Amino acid sequence: GLVDVFARFMSQAMWSVTLPFFSKIKREGGEVGPALAQAQAYFLGVAWPFYAVLAFSAHPVMLTLFGDQWVASIPVLRWMTAFGAATATTLFASTALIAPSSHRVT
Protein backbone atom coordinates (compact mmCIF):
# COMPACT_ATOMS: atom_id res chain seq x y z
CA GLY A 1 0.00 0.00 0.00
CA LEU A 2 2.83 2.38 0.81
CA VAL A 3 4.41 2.06 -2.63
CA ASP A 4 1.01 2.17 -4.33
CA VAL A 5 -0.03 5.41 -2.61
CA PHE A 6 2.92 7.29 -4.07
CA ALA A 7 2.50 5.79 -7.53
CA ARG A 8 -1.24 6.37 -7.64
CA PHE A 9 -1.27 9.96 -6.42
CA MET A 10 1.71 11.06 -8.46
CA SER A 11 0.51 9.40 -11.64
CA GLN A 12 -3.00 10.81 -11.31
CA ALA A 13 -1.65 14.31 -10.75
CA MET A 14 0.76 14.04 -13.66
CA TRP A 15 -1.78 12.37 -15.97
CA SER A 16 -4.15 15.32 -15.64
CA VAL A 17 -1.38 17.64 -16.84
CA THR A 18 0.45 15.53 -19.41
CA LEU A 19 -2.54 14.39 -21.46
CA PRO A 20 -3.69 17.92 -22.36
CA PHE A 21 -0.06 18.98 -22.82
CA PHE A 22 0.74 16.14 -25.24
CA SER A 23 -2.56 16.74 -27.06
CA LYS A 24 -1.70 20.41 -27.49
CA ILE A 25 1.71 19.56 -28.91
CA LYS A 26 0.22 17.09 -31.39
CA ARG A 27 -2.60 19.49 -32.32
CA GLU A 28 0.00 22.13 -33.17
CA GLY A 29 1.84 19.66 -35.41
CA GLY A 30 4.72 18.97 -33.03
CA GLU A 31 6.35 15.76 -31.95
CA VAL A 32 5.32 14.24 -28.63
CA GLY A 33 8.61 12.33 -28.20
CA PRO A 34 10.76 15.16 -26.80
CA ALA A 35 7.98 16.30 -24.46
CA LEU A 36 7.50 12.72 -23.29
CA ALA A 37 11.22 12.39 -22.55
CA GLN A 38 11.20 15.65 -20.59
CA ALA A 39 8.10 14.69 -18.57
CA GLN A 40 9.62 11.28 -17.79
CA ALA A 41 12.86 12.92 -16.67
CA TYR A 42 11.04 15.28 -14.33
CA PHE A 43 8.96 12.49 -12.86
CA LEU A 44 11.93 10.18 -12.42
CA GLY A 45 13.74 12.99 -10.63
CA VAL A 46 11.09 12.71 -7.91
CA ALA A 47 10.15 9.02 -8.10
CA TRP A 48 13.59 7.39 -8.04
CA PRO A 49 14.80 9.23 -4.92
CA PHE A 50 11.52 8.37 -3.18
CA TYR A 51 11.83 4.69 -4.02
CA ALA A 52 15.55 4.62 -3.12
CA VAL A 53 14.99 6.21 0.29
CA LEU A 54 12.07 3.90 0.97
CA ALA A 55 14.08 0.82 -0.02
CA PHE A 56 17.09 1.74 2.11
CA SER A 57 15.02 2.79 5.10
CA ALA A 58 12.39 0.06 4.82
CA HIS A 59 12.99 -1.32 8.30
CA PRO A 60 12.48 1.92 10.28
CA VAL A 61 9.64 3.00 8.00
CA MET A 62 7.84 -0.31 8.45
CA LEU A 63 8.33 -0.23 12.23
CA THR A 64 7.10 3.35 12.47
CA LEU A 65 4.06 2.98 10.25
CA PHE A 66 2.92 -0.58 10.91
CA GLY A 67 4.73 -1.96 13.98
CA ASP A 68 6.66 -5.15 14.78
CA GLN A 69 4.09 -7.49 13.31
CA TRP A 70 4.98 -6.32 9.77
CA VAL A 71 8.77 -6.71 9.98
CA ALA A 72 8.63 -9.93 7.95
CA SER A 73 7.25 -7.98 4.98
CA ILE A 74 10.32 -5.73 4.64
CA PRO A 75 11.85 -7.81 1.82
CA VAL A 76 8.56 -7.57 -0.05
CA LEU A 77 8.57 -3.78 0.40
CA ARG A 78 12.08 -3.63 -1.05
CA TRP A 79 11.03 -5.68 -4.07
CA MET A 80 8.00 -3.47 -4.55
CA THR A 81 10.12 -0.32 -4.46
CA ALA A 82 12.35 -1.82 -7.16
CA PHE A 83 9.26 -2.63 -9.21
CA GLY A 84 7.89 0.88 -8.66
CA ALA A 85 11.17 2.46 -9.77
CA ALA A 86 11.23 0.28 -12.88
CA THR A 87 7.64 0.97 -13.87
CA ALA A 88 8.08 4.70 -13.28
CA THR A 89 10.24 4.79 -16.40
CA THR A 90 7.22 4.15 -18.63
CA LEU A 91 4.53 5.99 -16.71
CA PHE A 92 3.62 8.45 -19.47
CA ALA A 93 3.90 6.12 -22.47
CA SER A 94 0.17 5.44 -22.52
CA THR A 95 -0.58 9.15 -22.14
CA ALA A 96 1.62 9.94 -25.14
CA LEU A 97 -0.15 7.28 -27.18
CA ILE A 98 -3.63 8.51 -26.23
CA ALA A 99 -2.86 12.20 -26.75
CA PRO A 100 -2.77 12.22 -30.57
CA SER A 101 -6.26 10.74 -30.78
CA SER A 102 -7.75 12.82 -27.95
CA HIS A 103 -7.81 16.05 -29.93
CA ARG A 104 -9.74 14.76 -32.94
CA VAL A 105 -13.29 15.95 -33.36
CA THR A 106 -15.68 13.46 -34.92
C-alpha atoms as a PDB file:
ATOM      1  CA  GLY A   1       0.000   0.000   0.000  1.00  0.00           C
ATOM      2  CA  LEU A   2       2.831   2.382   0.807  1.00  0.00           C
ATOM      3  CA  VAL A   3       4.407   2.064  -2.633  1.00  0.00           C
ATOM      4  CA  ASP A   4       1.009   2.167  -4.332  1.00  0.00           C
ATOM      5  CA  VAL A   5      -0.031   5.405  -2.607  1.00  0.00           C
ATOM      6  CA  PHE A   6       2.920   7.286  -4.067  1.00  0.00           C
ATOM      7  CA  ALA A   7       2.500   5.789  -7.525  1.00  0.00           C
ATOM      8  CA  ARG A   8      -1.239   6.366  -7.637  1.00  0.00           C
ATOM      9  CA  PHE A   9      -1.271   9.962  -6.419  1.00  0.00           C
ATOM     10  CA  MET A  10       1.707  11.057  -8.457  1.00  0.00           C
ATOM     11  CA  SER A  11       0.513   9.396 -11.636  1.00  0.00           C
ATOM     12  CA  GLN A  12      -3.000  10.811 -11.310  1.00  0.00           C
ATOM     13  CA  ALA A  13      -1.646  14.311 -10.752  1.00  0.00           C
ATOM     14  CA  MET A  14       0.765  14.039 -13.662  1.00  0.00           C
ATOM     15  CA  TRP A  15      -1.777  12.371 -15.972  1.00  0.00           C
ATOM     16  CA  SER A  16      -4.154  15.325 -15.645  1.00  0.00           C
ATOM     17  CA  VAL A  17      -1.383  17.637 -16.841  1.00  0.00           C
ATOM     18  CA  THR A  18       0.446  15.533 -19.414  1.00  0.00           C
ATOM     19  CA  LEU A  19      -2.540  14.386 -21.456  1.00  0.00           C
ATOM     20  CA  PRO A  20      -3.693  17.919 -22.359  1.00  0.00           C
ATOM     21  CA  PHE A  21      -0.056  18.984 -22.820  1.00  0.00           C
ATOM     22  CA  PHE A  22       0.738  16.141 -25.238  1.00  0.00           C
ATOM     23  CA  SER A  23      -2.561  16.740 -27.062  1.00  0.00           C
ATOM     24  CA  LYS A  24      -1.695  20.412 -27.489  1.00  0.00           C
ATOM     25  CA  ILE A  25       1.714  19.556 -28.912  1.00  0.00           C
ATOM     26  CA  LYS A  26       0.216  17.094 -31.386  1.00  0.00           C
ATOM     27  CA  ARG A  27      -2.605  19.491 -32.315  1.00  0.00           C
ATOM     28  CA  GLU A  28       0.004  22.130 -33.167  1.00  0.00           C
ATOM     29  CA  GLY A  29       1.839  19.658 -35.405  1.00  0.00           C
ATOM     30  CA  GLY A  30       4.723  18.973 -33.034  1.00  0.00           C
ATOM     31  CA  GLU A  31       6.355  15.761 -31.948  1.00  0.00           C
ATOM     32  CA  VAL A  32       5.315  14.237 -28.626  1.00  0.00           C
ATOM     33  CA  GLY A  33       8.610  12.328 -28.201  1.00  0.00           C
ATOM     34  CA  PRO A  34      10.761  15.157 -26.796  1.00  0.00           C
ATOM     35  CA  ALA A  35       7.977  16.304 -24.462  1.00  0.00           C
ATOM     36  CA  LEU A  36       7.499  12.718 -23.291  1.00  0.00           C
ATOM     37  CA  ALA A  37      11.215  12.390 -22.547  1.00  0.00           C
ATOM     38  CA  GLN A  38      11.198  15.645 -20.592  1.00  0.00           C
ATOM     39  CA  ALA A  39       8.095  14.687 -18.574  1.00  0.00           C
ATOM     40  CA  GLN A  40       9.616  11.284 -17.788  1.00  0.00           C
ATOM     41  CA  ALA A  41      12.863  12.916 -16.674  1.00  0.00           C
ATOM     42  CA  TYR A  42      11.038  15.279 -14.330  1.00  0.00           C
ATOM     43  CA  PHE A  43       8.956  12.487 -12.862  1.00  0.00           C
ATOM     44  CA  LEU A  44      11.932  10.176 -12.416  1.00  0.00           C
ATOM     45  CA  GLY A  45      13.743  12.992 -10.627  1.00  0.00           C
ATOM     46  CA  VAL A  46      11.094  12.710  -7.913  1.00  0.00           C
ATOM     47  CA  ALA A  47      10.152   9.019  -8.098  1.00  0.00           C
ATOM     48  CA  TRP A  48      13.587   7.391  -8.037  1.00  0.00           C
ATOM     49  CA  PRO A  49      14.795   9.231  -4.915  1.00  0.00           C
ATOM     50  CA  PHE A  50      11.521   8.371  -3.179  1.00  0.00           C
ATOM     51  CA  TYR A  51      11.829   4.688  -4.017  1.00  0.00           C
ATOM     52  CA  ALA A  52      15.546   4.623  -3.117  1.00  0.00           C
ATOM     53  CA  VAL A  53      14.991   6.208   0.292  1.00  0.00           C
ATOM     54  CA  LEU A  54      12.065   3.902   0.966  1.00  0.00           C
ATOM     55  CA  ALA A  55      14.078   0.818  -0.015  1.00  0.00           C
ATOM     56  CA  PHE A  56      17.089   1.740   2.108  1.00  0.00           C
ATOM     57  CA  SER A  57      15.020   2.787   5.104  1.00  0.00           C
ATOM     58  CA  ALA A  58      12.393   0.060   4.815  1.00  0.00           C
ATOM     59  CA  HIS A  59      12.995  -1.316   8.303  1.00  0.00           C
ATOM     60  CA  PRO A  60      12.478   1.922  10.277  1.00  0.00           C
ATOM     61  CA  VAL A  61       9.636   2.996   7.996  1.00  0.00           C
ATOM     62  CA  MET A  62       7.838  -0.315   8.447  1.00  0.00           C
ATOM     63  CA  LEU A  63       8.333  -0.225  12.225  1.00  0.00           C
ATOM     64  CA  THR A  64       7.104   3.348  12.470  1.00  0.00           C
ATOM     65  CA  LEU A  65       4.058   2.981  10.255  1.00  0.00           C
ATOM     66  CA  PHE A  66       2.918  -0.580  10.909  1.00  0.00           C
ATOM     67  CA  GLY A  67       4.731  -1.963  13.977  1.00  0.00           C
ATOM     68  CA  ASP A  68       6.656  -5.145  14.784  1.00  0.00           C
ATOM     69  CA  GLN A  69       4.091  -7.494  13.311  1.00  0.00           C
ATOM     70  CA  TRP A  70       4.982  -6.324   9.771  1.00  0.00           C
ATOM     71  CA  VAL A  71       8.775  -6.710   9.981  1.00  0.00           C
ATOM     72  CA  ALA A  72       8.626  -9.930   7.953  1.00  0.00           C
ATOM     73  CA  SER A  73       7.251  -7.984   4.976  1.00  0.00           C
ATOM     74  CA  ILE A  74      10.318  -5.732   4.644  1.00  0.00           C
ATOM     75  CA  PRO A  75      11.854  -7.813   1.816  1.00  0.00           C
ATOM     76  CA  VAL A  76       8.558  -7.565  -0.049  1.00  0.00           C
ATOM     77  CA  LEU A  77       8.569  -3.784   0.403  1.00  0.00           C
ATOM     78  CA  ARG A  78      12.079  -3.629  -1.048  1.00  0.00           C
ATOM     79  CA  TRP A  79      11.030  -5.679  -4.069  1.00  0.00           C
ATOM     80  CA  MET A  80       7.998  -3.466  -4.553  1.00  0.00           C
ATOM     81  CA  THR A  81      10.121  -0.317  -4.457  1.00  0.00           C
ATOM     82  CA  ALA A  82      12.350  -1.815  -7.158  1.00  0.00           C
ATOM     83  CA  PHE A  83       9.264  -2.630  -9.213  1.00  0.00           C
ATOM     84  CA  GLY A  84       7.890   0.884  -8.656  1.00  0.00           C
ATOM     85  CA  ALA A  85      11.166   2.460  -9.766  1.00  0.00           C
ATOM     86  CA  ALA A  86      11.232   0.279 -12.875  1.00  0.00           C
ATOM     87  CA  THR A  87       7.643   0.968 -13.872  1.00  0.00           C
ATOM     88  CA  ALA A  88       8.085   4.702 -13.280  1.00  0.00           C
ATOM     89  CA  THR A  89      10.240   4.795 -16.401  1.00  0.00           C
ATOM     90  CA  THR A  90       7.216   4.148 -18.635  1.00  0.00           C
ATOM     91  CA  LEU A  91       4.531   5.990 -16.713  1.00  0.00           C
ATOM     92  CA  PHE A  92       3.625   8.449 -19.473  1.00  0.00           C
ATOM     93  CA  ALA A  93       3.902   6.124 -22.472  1.00  0.00           C
ATOM     94  CA  SER A  94       0.168   5.435 -22.521  1.00  0.00           C
ATOM     95  CA  THR A  95      -0.585   9.145 -22.144  1.00  0.00           C
ATOM     96  CA  ALA A  96       1.616   9.941 -25.139  1.00  0.00           C
ATOM     97  CA  LEU A  97      -0.149   7.276 -27.179  1.00  0.00           C
ATOM     98  CA  ILE A  98      -3.631   8.509 -26.234  1.00  0.00           C
ATOM     99  CA  ALA A  99      -2.863  12.204 -26.749  1.00  0.00           C
ATOM    100  CA  PRO A 100      -2.770  12.217 -30.574  1.00  0.00           C
ATOM    101  CA  SER A 101      -6.260  10.744 -30.779  1.00  0.00           C
ATOM    102  CA  SER A 102      -7.748  12.815 -27.949  1.00  0.00           C
ATOM    103  CA  HIS A 103      -7.806  16.050 -29.933  1.00  0.00           C
ATOM    104  CA  ARG A 104      -9.744  14.755 -32.941  1.00  0.00           C
ATOM    105  CA  VAL A 105     -13.293  15.950 -33.364  1.00  0.00           C
ATOM    106  CA  THR A 106     -15.684  13.464 -34.921  1.00  0.00           C
END
